[in-house]
C-alpha cells in the first residue's frame, strides 16, 4: 500500500479562473482521483493538490502534465511534500500543509470536497 504522500501531487501556476472540474479533466486519464483541493489565494497563481488512488498514477500525472500549457499557463506538477495531519511548519521544500480542515463541498460544489483550511508556504 502506498503512502498518502506518494499519491498526492502539487499542481502550481494555475490561472485565477480555474475550476475544479477543469483540474479533474486534466488528470482523470492518469487514474482514479480521490480528492482535489483547489486553492485560490488573494494573489495569483492558483494551485491545487490532487490525490490519486495509486502512487503510480500520481507519477504518470507528473510526467504527463509538468510543463503542460493550460490556458496560457505553464503548469508546475510535482509530488506534494507533506500531507494532511502533518505539522504546518513545512518540510524544508516549500510545501508545508496545515491539518486537514474536513469535508463538505468547496468552491464549485465538485464531487471531491475541498479542504476549508490548508496552508501553503514557499516560493513559486
PDB file of N, CA and C in Angstrom:
ATOM      1  N   UNK A   1       0.844  -1.190   0.000  1.00  0.00           N
ATOM      2  CA  UNK A   1       0.000   0.000   0.000  1.00  0.00           C
ATOM      3  C   UNK A   1       0.878   1.238   0.000  1.00  0.00           C
ATOM      4  N   UNK A   2       0.623   2.154  -0.885  1.00  0.00           N
ATOM      5  CA  UNK A   2       1.438   3.355  -0.963  1.00  0.00           C
ATOM      6  C   UNK A   2       0.991   4.369   0.079  1.00  0.00           C
ATOM      7  N   UNK A   3       1.931   5.192   0.494  1.00  0.00           N
ATOM      8  CA  UNK A   3       1.588   6.229   1.472  1.00  0.00           C
ATOM      9  C   UNK A   3       0.827   7.341   0.780  1.00  0.00           C
ATOM     10  N   UNK A   4       0.108   8.083   1.564  1.00  0.00           N
ATOM     11  CA  UNK A   4      -0.659   9.199   1.024  1.00  0.00           C
ATOM     12  C   UNK A   4       0.266  10.218   0.355  1.00  0.00           C
ATOM     13  N   UNK A   5       1.476  10.401   0.908  1.00  0.00           N
ATOM     14  CA  UNK A   5       2.422  11.352   0.332  1.00  0.00           C
ATOM     15  C   UNK A   5       2.744  11.002  -1.113  1.00  0.00           C
ATOM     16  N   UNK A   6       2.933   9.739  -1.389  1.00  0.00           N
ATOM     17  CA  UNK A   6       3.345   9.329  -2.725  1.00  0.00           C
ATOM     18  C   UNK A   6       2.189   9.332  -3.723  1.00  0.00           C
ATOM     19  N   UNK A   7       0.965   9.519  -3.242  1.00  0.00           N
ATOM     20  CA  UNK A   7      -0.201   9.546  -4.130  1.00  0.00           C
ATOM     21  C   UNK A   7      -0.711  10.952  -4.400  1.00  0.00           C
ATOM     22  N   UNK A   8      -0.147  11.960  -3.736  1.00  0.00           N
ATOM     23  CA  UNK A   8      -0.652  13.320  -3.858  1.00  0.00           C
ATOM     24  C   UNK A   8       0.326  14.181  -4.642  1.00  0.00           C
ATOM     25  N   UNK A   9      -0.213  14.917  -5.603  1.00  0.00           N
ATOM     26  CA  UNK A   9       0.623  15.807  -6.391  1.00  0.00           C
ATOM     27  C   UNK A   9       0.236  17.258  -6.138  1.00  0.00           C
ATOM     28  N   UNK A  10       1.206  18.128  -6.327  1.00  0.00           N
ATOM     29  CA  UNK A  10       1.021  19.572  -6.274  1.00  0.00           C
ATOM     30  C   UNK A  10       0.965  20.065  -7.712  1.00  0.00           C
ATOM     31  N   UNK A  11      -0.018  20.904  -8.012  1.00  0.00           N
ATOM     32  CA  UNK A  11      -0.142  21.493  -9.342  1.00  0.00           C
ATOM     33  C   UNK A  11      -0.120  23.006  -9.167  1.00  0.00           C
ATOM     34  N   UNK A  12       0.938  23.635  -9.646  1.00  0.00           N
ATOM     35  CA  UNK A  12       1.094  25.080  -9.491  1.00  0.00           C
ATOM     36  C   UNK A  12       0.980  25.815 -10.809  1.00  0.00           C
ATOM     37  N   UNK A  13       0.888  27.132 -10.683  1.00  0.00           N
ATOM     38  CA  UNK A  13       0.807  28.050 -11.813  1.00  0.00           C
ATOM     39  C   UNK A  13      -0.504  27.904 -12.576  1.00  0.00           C
ATOM     40  N   UNK A  14      -1.578  27.738 -11.831  1.00  0.00           N
ATOM     41  CA  UNK A  14      -2.913  27.647 -12.443  1.00  0.00           C
ATOM     42  C   UNK A  14      -3.496  29.042 -12.635  1.00  0.00           C
ATOM     43  N   UNK A  15      -4.330  29.254 -13.646  1.00  0.00           N
ATOM     44  CA  UNK A  15      -4.968  30.561 -13.839  1.00  0.00           C
ATOM     45  C   UNK A  15      -5.975  30.858 -12.728  1.00  0.00           C
ATOM     46  N   UNK A  16      -6.221  32.143 -12.493  1.00  0.00           N
ATOM     47  CA  UNK A  16      -7.124  32.567 -11.411  1.00  0.00           C
ATOM     48  C   UNK A  16      -8.548  32.068 -11.572  1.00  0.00           C
ATOM     49  N   UNK A  17      -8.998  31.873 -12.804  1.00  0.00           N
ATOM     50  CA  UNK A  17     -10.388  31.479 -13.022  1.00  0.00           C
ATOM     51  C   UNK A  17     -10.563  29.965 -13.177  1.00  0.00           C
ATOM     52  N   UNK A  18      -9.568  29.185 -12.762  1.00  0.00           N
ATOM     53  CA  UNK A  18      -9.644  27.730 -12.914  1.00  0.00           C
ATOM     54  C   UNK A  18     -10.779  27.161 -12.058  1.00  0.00           C
ATOM     55  N   UNK A  19     -11.404  26.121 -12.561  1.00  0.00           N
ATOM     56  CA  UNK A  19     -12.496  25.438 -11.857  1.00  0.00           C
ATOM     57  C   UNK A  19     -12.063  24.019 -11.512  1.00  0.00           C
ATOM     58  N   UNK A  20     -12.654  23.476 -10.475  1.00  0.00           N
ATOM     59  CA  UNK A  20     -12.307  22.119 -10.036  1.00  0.00           C
ATOM     60  C   UNK A  20     -12.526  21.092 -11.143  1.00  0.00           C
ATOM     61  N   UNK A  21     -13.597  21.233 -11.909  1.00  0.00           N
ATOM     62  CA  UNK A  21     -13.861  20.267 -12.980  1.00  0.00           C
ATOM     63  C   UNK A  21     -12.779  20.317 -14.055  1.00  0.00           C
ATOM     64  N   UNK A  22     -12.138  21.487 -14.237  1.00  0.00           N
ATOM     65  CA  UNK A  22     -11.058  21.583 -15.220  1.00  0.00           C
ATOM     66  C   UNK A  22      -9.821  20.810 -14.741  1.00  0.00           C
ATOM     67  N   UNK A  23      -9.577  20.857 -13.442  1.00  0.00           N
ATOM     68  CA  UNK A  23      -8.471  20.088 -12.869  1.00  0.00           C
ATOM     69  C   UNK A  23      -8.743  18.597 -13.074  1.00  0.00           C
ATOM     70  N   UNK A  24      -9.967  18.195 -12.779  1.00  0.00           N
ATOM     71  CA  UNK A  24     -10.338  16.793 -12.976  1.00  0.00           C
ATOM     72  C   UNK A  24     -10.148  16.380 -14.435  1.00  0.00           C
ATOM     73  N   UNK A  25     -10.552  17.239 -15.360  1.00  0.00           N
ATOM     74  CA  UNK A  25     -10.383  16.936 -16.780  1.00  0.00           C
ATOM     75  C   UNK A  25      -8.916  16.772 -17.165  1.00  0.00           C
ATOM     76  N   UNK A  26      -8.032  17.550 -16.533  1.00  0.00           N
ATOM     77  CA  UNK A  26      -6.600  17.465 -16.816  1.00  0.00           C
ATOM     78  C   UNK A  26      -5.981  16.151 -16.357  1.00  0.00           C
ATOM     79  N   UNK A  27      -6.514  15.585 -15.272  1.00  0.00           N
ATOM     80  CA  UNK A  27      -5.832  14.468 -14.628  1.00  0.00           C
ATOM     81  C   UNK A  27      -6.585  13.141 -14.588  1.00  0.00           C
ATOM     82  N   UNK A  28      -7.862  13.107 -14.951  1.00  0.00           N
ATOM     83  CA  UNK A  28      -8.641  11.871 -14.808  1.00  0.00           C
ATOM     84  C   UNK A  28      -8.060  10.709 -15.595  1.00  0.00           C
ATOM     85  N   UNK A  29      -7.427  10.996 -16.714  1.00  0.00           N
ATOM     86  CA  UNK A  29      -6.932   9.907 -17.566  1.00  0.00           C
ATOM     87  C   UNK A  29      -5.738   9.170 -16.966  1.00  0.00           C
ATOM     88  N   UNK A  30      -5.138   9.729 -15.907  1.00  0.00           N
ATOM     89  CA  UNK A  30      -3.973   9.088 -15.297  1.00  0.00           C
ATOM     90  C   UNK A  30      -4.362   8.067 -14.231  1.00  0.00           C
ATOM     91  N   UNK A  31      -5.587   8.117 -13.751  1.00  0.00           N
ATOM     92  CA  UNK A  31      -6.027   7.156 -12.747  1.00  0.00           C
ATOM     93  C   UNK A  31      -7.148   7.726 -11.895  1.00  0.00           C
ATOM     94  N   UNK A  32      -7.616   6.899 -10.960  1.00  0.00           N
ATOM     95  CA  UNK A  32      -8.740   7.291 -10.108  1.00  0.00           C
ATOM     96  C   UNK A  32      -8.311   8.385  -9.141  1.00  0.00           C
ATOM     97  N   UNK A  33      -9.035   9.494  -9.169  1.00  0.00           N
ATOM     98  CA  UNK A  33      -8.760  10.643  -8.303  1.00  0.00           C
ATOM     99  C   UNK A  33      -9.605  10.509  -7.042  1.00  0.00           C
ATOM    100  N   UNK A  34      -8.951  10.614  -5.889  1.00  0.00           N
ATOM    101  CA  UNK A  34      -9.663  10.547  -4.613  1.00  0.00           C
ATOM    102  C   UNK A  34     -10.085  11.921  -4.116  1.00  0.00           C
ATOM    103  N   UNK A  35      -9.260  12.929  -4.377  1.00  0.00           N
ATOM    104  CA  UNK A  35      -9.531  14.259  -3.812  1.00  0.00           C
ATOM    105  C   UNK A  35      -8.841  15.321  -4.645  1.00  0.00           C
ATOM    106  N   UNK A  36      -9.489  16.467  -4.761  1.00  0.00           N
ATOM    107  CA  UNK A  36      -8.891  17.653  -5.371  1.00  0.00           C
ATOM    108  C   UNK A  36      -9.090  18.796  -4.396  1.00  0.00           C
ATOM    109  N   UNK A  37      -8.000  19.453  -4.025  1.00  0.00           N
ATOM    110  CA  UNK A  37      -8.061  20.622  -3.148  1.00  0.00           C
ATOM    111  C   UNK A  37      -7.581  21.825  -3.939  1.00  0.00           C
ATOM    112  N   UNK A  38      -8.499  22.622  -4.421  1.00  0.00           N
ATOM    113  CA  UNK A  38      -8.175  23.801  -5.209  1.00  0.00           C
ATOM    114  C   UNK A  38      -7.975  24.982  -4.269  1.00  0.00           C
ATOM    115  N   UNK A  39      -6.858  25.686  -4.435  1.00  0.00           N
ATOM    116  CA  UNK A  39      -6.520  26.834  -3.597  1.00  0.00           C
ATOM    117  C   UNK A  39      -6.475  28.084  -4.460  1.00  0.00           C
ATOM    118  N   UNK A  40      -7.290  29.062  -4.105  1.00  0.00           N
ATOM    119  CA  UNK A  40      -7.320  30.325  -4.838  1.00  0.00           C
ATOM    120  C   UNK A  40      -6.868  31.428  -3.881  1.00  0.00           C
ATOM    121  N   UNK A  41      -5.576  31.751  -3.892  1.00  0.00           N
ATOM    122  CA  UNK A  41      -5.044  32.756  -2.984  1.00  0.00           C
ATOM    123  C   UNK A  41      -5.410  34.170  -3.446  1.00  0.00           C
ATOM    124  N   UNK A  42      -5.211  35.162  -2.582  1.00  0.00           N
ATOM    125  CA  UNK A  42      -5.528  36.550  -2.961  1.00  0.00           C
ATOM    126  C   UNK A  42      -4.721  37.023  -4.174  1.00  0.00           C
ATOM    127  N   UNK A  43      -3.520  36.509  -4.324  1.00  0.00           N
ATOM    128  CA  UNK A  43      -2.689  36.877  -5.477  1.00  0.00           C
ATOM    129  C   UNK A  43      -2.381  35.630  -6.284  1.00  0.00           C
ATOM    130  N   UNK A  44      -2.347  35.764  -7.614  1.00  0.00           N
ATOM    131  CA  UNK A  44      -2.041  34.599  -8.443  1.00  0.00           C
ATOM    132  C   UNK A  44      -0.598  34.151  -8.236  1.00  0.00           C
ATOM    133  N   UNK A  45      -0.268  32.939  -8.592  1.00  0.00           N
ATOM    134  CA  UNK A  45      -1.116  31.969  -9.284  1.00  0.00           C
ATOM    135  C   UNK A  45      -1.876  31.077  -8.311  1.00  0.00           C
ATOM    136  N   UNK A  46      -2.900  30.439  -8.822  1.00  0.00           N
ATOM    137  CA  UNK A  46      -3.639  29.443  -8.050  1.00  0.00           C
ATOM    138  C   UNK A  46      -2.843  28.135  -8.060  1.00  0.00           C
ATOM    139  N   UNK A  47      -3.203  27.250  -7.152  1.00  0.00           N
ATOM    140  CA  UNK A  47      -2.564  25.936  -7.107  1.00  0.00           C
ATOM    141  C   UNK A  47      -3.559  24.947  -6.541  1.00  0.00           C
ATOM    142  N   UNK A  48      -3.231  23.673  -6.641  1.00  0.00           N
ATOM    143  CA  UNK A  48      -4.111  22.656  -6.086  1.00  0.00           C
ATOM    144  C   UNK A  48      -3.302  21.423  -5.724  1.00  0.00           C
ATOM    145  N   UNK A  49      -3.951  20.547  -4.984  1.00  0.00           N
ATOM    146  CA  UNK A  49      -3.406  19.244  -4.647  1.00  0.00           C
ATOM    147  C   UNK A  49      -4.385  18.210  -5.180  1.00  0.00           C
ATOM    148  N   UNK A  50      -3.851  17.203  -5.840  1.00  0.00           N
ATOM    149  CA  UNK A  50      -4.673  16.131  -6.396  1.00  0.00           C
ATOM    150  C   UNK A  50      -4.176  14.825  -5.794  1.00  0.00           C
ATOM    151  N   UNK A  51      -5.091  14.089  -5.173  1.00  0.00           N
ATOM    152  CA  UNK A  51      -4.724  12.792  -4.603  1.00  0.00           C
ATOM    153  C   UNK A  51      -5.282  11.676  -5.465  1.00  0.00           C
ATOM    154  N   UNK A  52      -4.391  10.786  -5.883  1.00  0.00           N
ATOM    155  CA  UNK A  52      -4.770   9.624  -6.681  1.00  0.00           C
ATOM    156  C   UNK A  52      -4.896   8.396  -5.783  1.00  0.00           C
ATOM    157  N   UNK A  53      -5.584   7.389  -6.267  1.00  0.00           N
ATOM    158  CA  UNK A  53      -5.732   6.140  -5.522  1.00  0.00           C
ATOM    159  C   UNK A  53      -4.436   5.343  -5.508  1.00  0.00           C
ATOM    160  N   UNK A  54      -3.577   5.566  -6.497  1.00  0.00           N
ATOM    161  CA  UNK A  54      -2.357   4.778  -6.634  1.00  0.00           C
ATOM    162  C   UNK A  54      -1.173   5.698  -6.908  1.00  0.00           C
ATOM    163  N   UNK A  55      -0.043   5.418  -6.279  1.00  0.00           N
ATOM    164  CA  UNK A  55       1.164   6.238  -6.432  1.00  0.00           C
ATOM    165  C   UNK A  55       1.667   6.236  -7.876  1.00  0.00           C
ATOM    166  N   UNK A  56       1.500   5.124  -8.585  1.00  0.00           N
ATOM    167  CA  UNK A  56       1.947   5.073  -9.983  1.00  0.00           C
ATOM    168  C   UNK A  56       1.159   6.043 -10.853  1.00  0.00           C
ATOM    169  N   UNK A  57      -0.113   6.224 -10.526  1.00  0.00           N
ATOM    170  CA  UNK A  57      -0.930   7.181 -11.269  1.00  0.00           C
ATOM    171  C   UNK A  57      -0.432   8.601 -11.037  1.00  0.00           C
ATOM    172  N   UNK A  58      -0.055   8.896  -9.806  1.00  0.00           N
ATOM    173  CA  UNK A  58       0.490  10.219  -9.490  1.00  0.00           C
ATOM    174  C   UNK A  58       1.774  10.469 -10.275  1.00  0.00           C
ATOM    175  N   UNK A  59       2.645   9.459 -10.335  1.00  0.00           N
ATOM    176  CA  UNK A  59       3.897   9.585 -11.091  1.00  0.00           C
ATOM    177  C   UNK A  59       3.618   9.814 -12.578  1.00  0.00           C
ATOM    178  N   UNK A  60       2.652   9.085 -13.116  1.00  0.00           N
ATOM    179  CA  UNK A  60       2.285   9.260 -14.524  1.00  0.00           C
ATOM    180  C   UNK A  60       1.749  10.671 -14.783  1.00  0.00           C
ATOM    181  N   UNK A  61       0.946  11.180 -13.857  1.00  0.00           N
ATOM    182  CA  UNK A  61       0.381  12.526 -13.995  1.00  0.00           C
ATOM    183  C   UNK A  61       1.486  13.581 -13.975  1.00  0.00           C
ATOM    184  N   UNK A  62       2.489  13.379 -13.129  1.00  0.00           N
ATOM    185  CA  UNK A  62       3.614  14.316 -13.075  1.00  0.00           C
ATOM    186  C   UNK A  62       4.345  14.311 -14.413  1.00  0.00           C
ATOM    187  N   UNK A  63       4.659  13.136 -14.904  1.00  0.00           N
ATOM    188  CA  UNK A  63       5.365  13.031 -16.190  1.00  0.00           C
ATOM    189  C   UNK A  63       4.541  13.621 -17.339  1.00  0.00           C
ATOM    190  N   UNK A  64       3.240  13.399 -17.290  1.00  0.00           N
ATOM    191  CA  UNK A  64       2.393  13.834 -18.396  1.00  0.00           C
ATOM    192  C   UNK A  64       2.000  15.296 -18.382  1.00  0.00           C
ATOM    193  N   UNK A  65       1.959  15.914 -17.216  1.00  0.00           N
ATOM    194  CA  UNK A  65       1.427  17.279 -17.138  1.00  0.00           C
ATOM    195  C   UNK A  65       2.411  18.342 -16.665  1.00  0.00           C
ATOM    196  N   UNK A  66       3.594  17.980 -16.173  1.00  0.00           N
ATOM    197  CA  UNK A  66       4.559  19.004 -15.772  1.00  0.00           C
ATOM    198  C   UNK A  66       5.024  19.751 -17.014  1.00  0.00           C
ATOM    199  N   UNK A  67       4.887  21.069 -17.002  1.00  0.00           N
ATOM    200  CA  UNK A  67       5.256  21.891 -18.148  1.00  0.00           C
ATOM    201  C   UNK A  67       4.148  22.046 -19.177  1.00  0.00           C
ATOM    202  N   UNK A  68       3.008  21.401 -18.945  1.00  0.00           N
ATOM    203  CA  UNK A  68       1.871  21.460 -19.864  1.00  0.00           C
ATOM    204  C   UNK A  68       1.309  22.884 -19.933  1.00  0.00           C
ATOM    205  N   UNK A  69       0.971  23.334 -21.126  1.00  0.00           N
ATOM    206  CA  UNK A  69       0.395  24.664 -21.303  1.00  0.00           C
ATOM    207  C   UNK A  69      -1.110  24.581 -21.106  1.00  0.00           C
ATOM    208  N   UNK A  70      -1.574  25.158 -20.015  1.00  0.00           N
ATOM    209  CA  UNK A  70      -3.002  25.155 -19.695  1.00  0.00           C
ATOM    210  C   UNK A  70      -3.494  26.596 -19.683  1.00  0.00           C
ATOM    211  N   UNK A  71      -4.293  26.959 -20.662  1.00  0.00           N
ATOM    212  CA  UNK A  71      -4.869  28.288 -20.747  1.00  0.00           C
ATOM    213  C   UNK A  71      -3.789  29.374 -20.673  1.00  0.00           C
ATOM    214  N   UNK A  72      -2.670  29.134 -21.346  1.00  0.00           N
ATOM    215  CA  UNK A  72      -1.580  30.099 -21.367  1.00  0.00           C
ATOM    216  C   UNK A  72      -0.648  30.049 -20.161  1.00  0.00           C
ATOM    217  N   UNK A  73      -0.899  29.133 -19.243  1.00  0.00           N
ATOM    218  CA  UNK A  73      -0.061  28.980 -18.052  1.00  0.00           C
ATOM    219  C   UNK A  73       0.713  27.668 -18.155  1.00  0.00           C
ATOM    220  N   UNK A  74       2.001  27.726 -17.905  1.00  0.00           N
ATOM    221  CA  UNK A  74       2.822  26.507 -17.933  1.00  0.00           C
ATOM    222  C   UNK A  74       2.740  25.850 -16.556  1.00  0.00           C
ATOM    223  N   UNK A  75       2.075  24.718 -16.484  1.00  0.00           N
ATOM    224  CA  UNK A  75       1.835  24.063 -15.204  1.00  0.00           C
ATOM    225  C   UNK A  75       3.119  23.527 -14.578  1.00  0.00           C
ATOM    226  N   UNK A  76       3.161  23.616 -13.270  1.00  0.00           N
ATOM    227  CA  UNK A  76       4.225  23.001 -12.485  1.00  0.00           C
ATOM    228  C   UNK A  76       3.583  21.856 -11.711  1.00  0.00           C
ATOM    229  N   UNK A  77       3.978  20.635 -12.027  1.00  0.00           N
ATOM    230  CA  UNK A  77       3.375  19.461 -11.404  1.00  0.00           C
ATOM    231  C   UNK A  77       4.488  18.632 -10.775  1.00  0.00           C
ATOM    232  N   UNK A  78       4.340  18.347  -9.482  1.00  0.00           N
ATOM    233  CA  UNK A  78       5.353  17.577  -8.758  1.00  0.00           C
ATOM    234  C   UNK A  78       4.702  16.839  -7.607  1.00  0.00           C
ATOM    235  N   UNK A  79       5.434  15.916  -7.040  1.00  0.00           N
ATOM    236  CA  UNK A  79       4.941  15.195  -5.877  1.00  0.00           C
ATOM    237  C   UNK A  79       4.776  16.190  -4.735  1.00  0.00           C
ATOM    238  N   UNK A  80       3.644  16.141  -4.059  1.00  0.00           N
ATOM    239  CA  UNK A  80       3.410  17.034  -2.923  1.00  0.00           C
ATOM    240  C   UNK A  80       4.303  16.626  -1.768  1.00  0.00           C
ATOM    241  N   UNK A  81       4.857  17.601  -1.092  1.00  0.00           N
ATOM    242  CA  UNK A  81       5.706  17.348   0.072  1.00  0.00           C
ATOM    243  C   UNK A  81       4.875  17.605   1.308  1.00  0.00           C
ATOM    244  N   UNK A  82       4.751  16.619   2.162  1.00  0.00           N
ATOM    245  CA  UNK A  82       3.901  16.758   3.338  1.00  0.00           C
ATOM    246  C   UNK A  82       2.541  16.169   3.044  1.00  0.00           C
ATOM    247  N   UNK A  83       1.634  16.358   3.963  1.00  0.00           N
ATOM    248  CA  UNK A  83       0.303  15.811   3.760  1.00  0.00           C
ATOM    249  C   UNK A  83      -0.604  16.199   4.900  1.00  0.00           C
ATOM    250  N   UNK A  84      -1.838  15.775   4.807  1.00  0.00           N
ATOM    251  CA  UNK A  84      -2.813  16.103   5.844  1.00  0.00           C
ATOM    252  C   UNK A  84      -2.378  15.538   7.184  1.00  0.00           C
ATOM    253  N   UNK A  85      -2.613  16.325   8.216  1.00  0.00           N
ATOM    254  CA  UNK A  85      -2.303  15.866   9.557  1.00  0.00           C
ATOM    255  C   UNK A  85      -0.851  16.088   9.936  1.00  0.00           C
ATOM    256  N   UNK A  86      -0.062  16.619   9.016  1.00  0.00           N
ATOM    257  CA  UNK A  86       1.325  16.904   9.302  1.00  0.00           C
ATOM    258  C   UNK A  86       1.437  18.300   9.894  1.00  0.00           C
ATOM    259  N   UNK A  87       2.514  18.573  10.633  1.00  0.00           N
ATOM    260  CA  UNK A  87       2.705  19.917  11.168  1.00  0.00           C
ATOM    261  C   UNK A  87       2.736  20.935  10.036  1.00  0.00           C
ATOM    262  N   UNK A  88       2.225  22.122  10.275  1.00  0.00           N
ATOM    263  CA  UNK A  88       2.144  23.122   9.229  1.00  0.00           C
ATOM    264  C   UNK A  88       3.428  23.917   9.086  1.00  0.00           C
ATOM    265  N   UNK A  89       4.468  23.546   9.800  1.00  0.00           N
ATOM    266  CA  UNK A  89       5.719  24.295   9.744  1.00  0.00           C
ATOM    267  C   UNK A  89       6.476  24.055   8.452  1.00  0.00           C
ATOM    268  N   UNK A  90       6.065  23.084   7.670  1.00  0.00           N
ATOM    269  CA  UNK A  90       6.717  22.825   6.396  1.00  0.00           C
ATOM    270  C   UNK A  90       7.766  21.747   6.540  1.00  0.00           C
ATOM    271  N   UNK A  91       8.301  21.356   5.404  1.00  0.00           N
ATOM    272  CA  UNK A  91       9.278  20.275   5.419  1.00  0.00           C
ATOM    273  C   UNK A  91      10.603  20.696   4.805  1.00  0.00           C
ATOM    274  N   UNK A  92      10.780  21.997   4.633  1.00  0.00           N
ATOM    275  CA  UNK A  92      12.009  22.471   4.046  1.00  0.00           C
ATOM    276  C   UNK A  92      11.983  22.512   2.533  1.00  0.00           C
ATOM    277  N   UNK A  93      10.905  22.011   1.920  1.00  0.00           N
ATOM    278  CA  UNK A  93      10.808  22.015   0.462  1.00  0.00           C
ATOM    279  C   UNK A  93       9.775  23.012  -0.019  1.00  0.00           C
ATOM    280  N   UNK A  94       9.218  23.798   0.880  1.00  0.00           N
ATOM    281  CA  UNK A  94       8.273  24.816   0.462  1.00  0.00           C
ATOM    282  C   UNK A  94       6.847  24.352   0.310  1.00  0.00           C
ATOM    283  N   UNK A  95       6.521  23.160   0.798  1.00  0.00           N
ATOM    284  CA  UNK A  95       5.147  22.692   0.653  1.00  0.00           C
ATOM    285  C   UNK A  95       4.556  22.234   1.973  1.00  0.00           C
ATOM    286  N   UNK A  96       4.798  22.971   3.040  1.00  0.00           N
ATOM    287  CA  UNK A  96       4.185  22.615   4.318  1.00  0.00           C
ATOM    288  C   UNK A  96       2.688  22.797   4.225  1.00  0.00           C
ATOM    289  N   UNK A  97       1.936  21.913   4.841  1.00  0.00           N
ATOM    290  CA  UNK A  97       0.488  21.997   4.751  1.00  0.00           C
ATOM    291  C   UNK A  97      -0.102  21.860   6.139  1.00  0.00           C
ATOM    292  N   UNK A  98      -1.132  22.600   6.388  1.00  0.00           N
ATOM    293  CA  UNK A  98      -1.810  22.533   7.672  1.00  0.00           C
ATOM    294  C   UNK A  98      -2.638  21.277   7.778  1.00  0.00           C
ATOM    295  N   UNK A  99      -3.212  21.068   8.928  1.00  0.00           N
ATOM    296  CA  UNK A  99      -4.035  19.885   9.115  1.00  0.00           C
ATOM    297  C   UNK A  99      -5.295  20.005   8.275  1.00  0.00           C
ATOM    298  N   UNK A 100      -5.803  18.875   7.875  1.00  0.00           N
ATOM    299  CA  UNK A 100      -6.979  18.836   7.014  1.00  0.00           C
ATOM    300  C   UNK A 100      -8.175  19.367   7.775  1.00  0.00           C
ATOM    301  N   UNK A 101      -8.843  20.336   7.193  1.00  0.00           N
ATOM    302  CA  UNK A 101      -9.945  21.003   7.863  1.00  0.00           C
ATOM    303  C   UNK A 101     -11.277  20.341   7.647  1.00  0.00           C
ATOM    304  N   UNK A 102     -11.309  19.186   7.047  1.00  0.00           N
ATOM    305  CA  UNK A 102     -12.572  18.478   6.958  1.00  0.00           C
ATOM    306  C   UNK A 102     -13.315  18.776   5.687  1.00  0.00           C
ATOM    307  N   UNK A 103     -14.405  18.171   5.589  1.00  0.00           N
ATOM    308  CA  UNK A 103     -15.079  17.961   4.337  1.00  0.00           C
ATOM    309  C   UNK A 103     -16.051  19.008   3.926  1.00  0.00           C
ATOM    310  N   UNK A 104     -17.117  18.516   3.406  1.00  0.00           N
ATOM    311  CA  UNK A 104     -18.100  19.384   2.822  1.00  0.00           C
ATOM    312  C   UNK A 104     -17.712  19.742   1.412  1.00  0.00           C
ATOM    313  N   UNK A 105     -18.588  20.388   0.782  1.00  0.00           N
ATOM    314  CA  UNK A 105     -18.329  20.826  -0.584  1.00  0.00           C
ATOM    315  C   UNK A 105     -17.594  22.156  -0.540  1.00  0.00           C
ATOM    316  N   UNK A 106     -16.681  22.304  -1.448  1.00  0.00           N
ATOM    317  CA  UNK A 106     -15.931  23.553  -1.527  1.00  0.00           C
ATOM    318  C   UNK A 106     -16.435  24.379  -2.680  1.00  0.00           C
ATOM    319  N   UNK A 107     -15.584  25.257  -3.157  1.00  0.00           N
ATOM    320  CA  UNK A 107     -15.909  26.091  -4.310  1.00  0.00           C
ATOM    321  C   UNK A 107     -16.351  25.221  -5.474  1.00  0.00           C
ATOM    322  N   UNK A 108     -17.397  25.619  -6.128  1.00  0.00           N
ATOM    323  CA  UNK A 108     -17.839  24.909  -7.311  1.00  0.00           C
ATOM    324  C   UNK A 108     -18.667  23.672  -7.024  1.00  0.00           C
ATOM    325  N   UNK A 109     -18.735  23.243  -5.758  1.00  0.00           N
ATOM    326  CA  UNK A 109     -19.558  22.104  -5.407  1.00  0.00           C
ATOM    327  C   UNK A 109     -19.134  20.816  -6.083  1.00  0.00           C
ATOM    328  N   UNK A 110     -17.848  20.670  -6.352  1.00  0.00           N
ATOM    329  CA  UNK A 110     -17.366  19.465  -7.005  1.00  0.00           C
ATOM    330  C   UNK A 110     -17.590  18.232  -6.156  1.00  0.00           C
ATOM    331  N   UNK A 111     -17.392  17.088  -6.745  1.00  0.00           N
ATOM    332  CA  UNK A 111     -17.712  15.859  -6.022  1.00  0.00           C
ATOM    333  C   UNK A 111     -16.643  15.451  -5.024  1.00  0.00           C
ATOM    334  N   UNK A 112     -15.514  16.137  -4.986  1.00  0.00           N
ATOM    335  CA  UNK A 112     -14.445  15.716  -4.100  1.00  0.00           C
ATOM    336  C   UNK A 112     -14.437  16.451  -2.766  1.00  0.00           C
ATOM    337  N   UNK A 113     -15.071  17.611  -2.684  1.00  0.00           N
ATOM    338  CA  UNK A 113     -14.978  18.403  -1.468  1.00  0.00           C
ATOM    339  C   UNK A 113     -13.605  19.051  -1.413  1.00  0.00           C
ATOM    340  N   UNK A 114     -13.558  20.265  -0.954  1.00  0.00           N
ATOM    341  CA  UNK A 114     -12.308  20.999  -0.913  1.00  0.00           C
ATOM    342  C   UNK A 114     -12.007  21.340   0.533  1.00  0.00           C
ATOM    343  N   UNK A 115     -10.774  21.161   0.899  1.00  0.00           N
ATOM    344  CA  UNK A 115     -10.358  21.474   2.263  1.00  0.00           C
ATOM    345  C   UNK A 115     -10.670  22.934   2.576  1.00  0.00           C
ATOM    346  N   UNK A 116     -11.209  23.177   3.719  1.00  0.00           N
ATOM    347  CA  UNK A 116     -11.503  24.540   4.127  1.00  0.00           C
ATOM    348  C   UNK A 116     -10.305  25.217   4.780  1.00  0.00           C
ATOM    349  N   UNK A 117      -9.279  24.436   5.111  1.00  0.00           N
ATOM    350  CA  UNK A 117      -8.113  25.008   5.773  1.00  0.00           C
ATOM    351  C   UNK A 117      -6.870  24.274   5.302  1.00  0.00           C
ATOM    352  N   UNK A 118      -5.971  25.027   4.782  1.00  0.00           N
ATOM    353  CA  UNK A 118      -4.692  24.465   4.391  1.00  0.00           C
ATOM    354  C   UNK A 118      -3.742  25.632   4.236  1.00  0.00           C
ATOM    355  N   UNK A 119      -2.489  25.396   4.467  1.00  0.00           N
ATOM    356  CA  UNK A 119      -1.503  26.447   4.310  1.00  0.00           C
ATOM    357  C   UNK A 119      -0.487  26.007   3.290  1.00  0.00           C
ATOM    358  N   UNK A 120      -0.046  26.965   2.500  1.00  0.00           N
ATOM    359  CA  UNK A 120       0.997  26.690   1.533  1.00  0.00           C
ATOM    360  C   UNK A 120       2.055  27.740   1.750  1.00  0.00           C
ATOM    361  N   UNK A 121       3.244  27.287   1.977  1.00  0.00           N
ATOM    362  CA  UNK A 121       4.348  28.219   2.173  1.00  0.00           C
ATOM    363  C   UNK A 121       5.444  27.846   1.211  1.00  0.00           C
ATOM    364  N   UNK A 122       5.916  28.800   0.499  1.00  0.00           N
ATOM    365  CA  UNK A 122       7.013  28.502  -0.398  1.00  0.00           C
ATOM    366  C   UNK A 122       7.038  29.451  -1.559  1.00  0.00           C
ATOM    367  N   UNK A 123       8.172  29.479  -2.211  1.00  0.00           N
ATOM    368  CA  UNK A 123       8.332  30.333  -3.370  1.00  0.00           C
ATOM    369  C   UNK A 123       7.869  29.588  -4.610  1.00  0.00           C
ATOM    370  N   UNK A 124       7.361  30.346  -5.555  1.00  0.00           N
ATOM    371  CA  UNK A 124       6.942  29.725  -6.814  1.00  0.00           C
ATOM    372  C   UNK A 124       7.990  29.935  -7.856  1.00  0.00           C
TER     373      UNK A 124
END
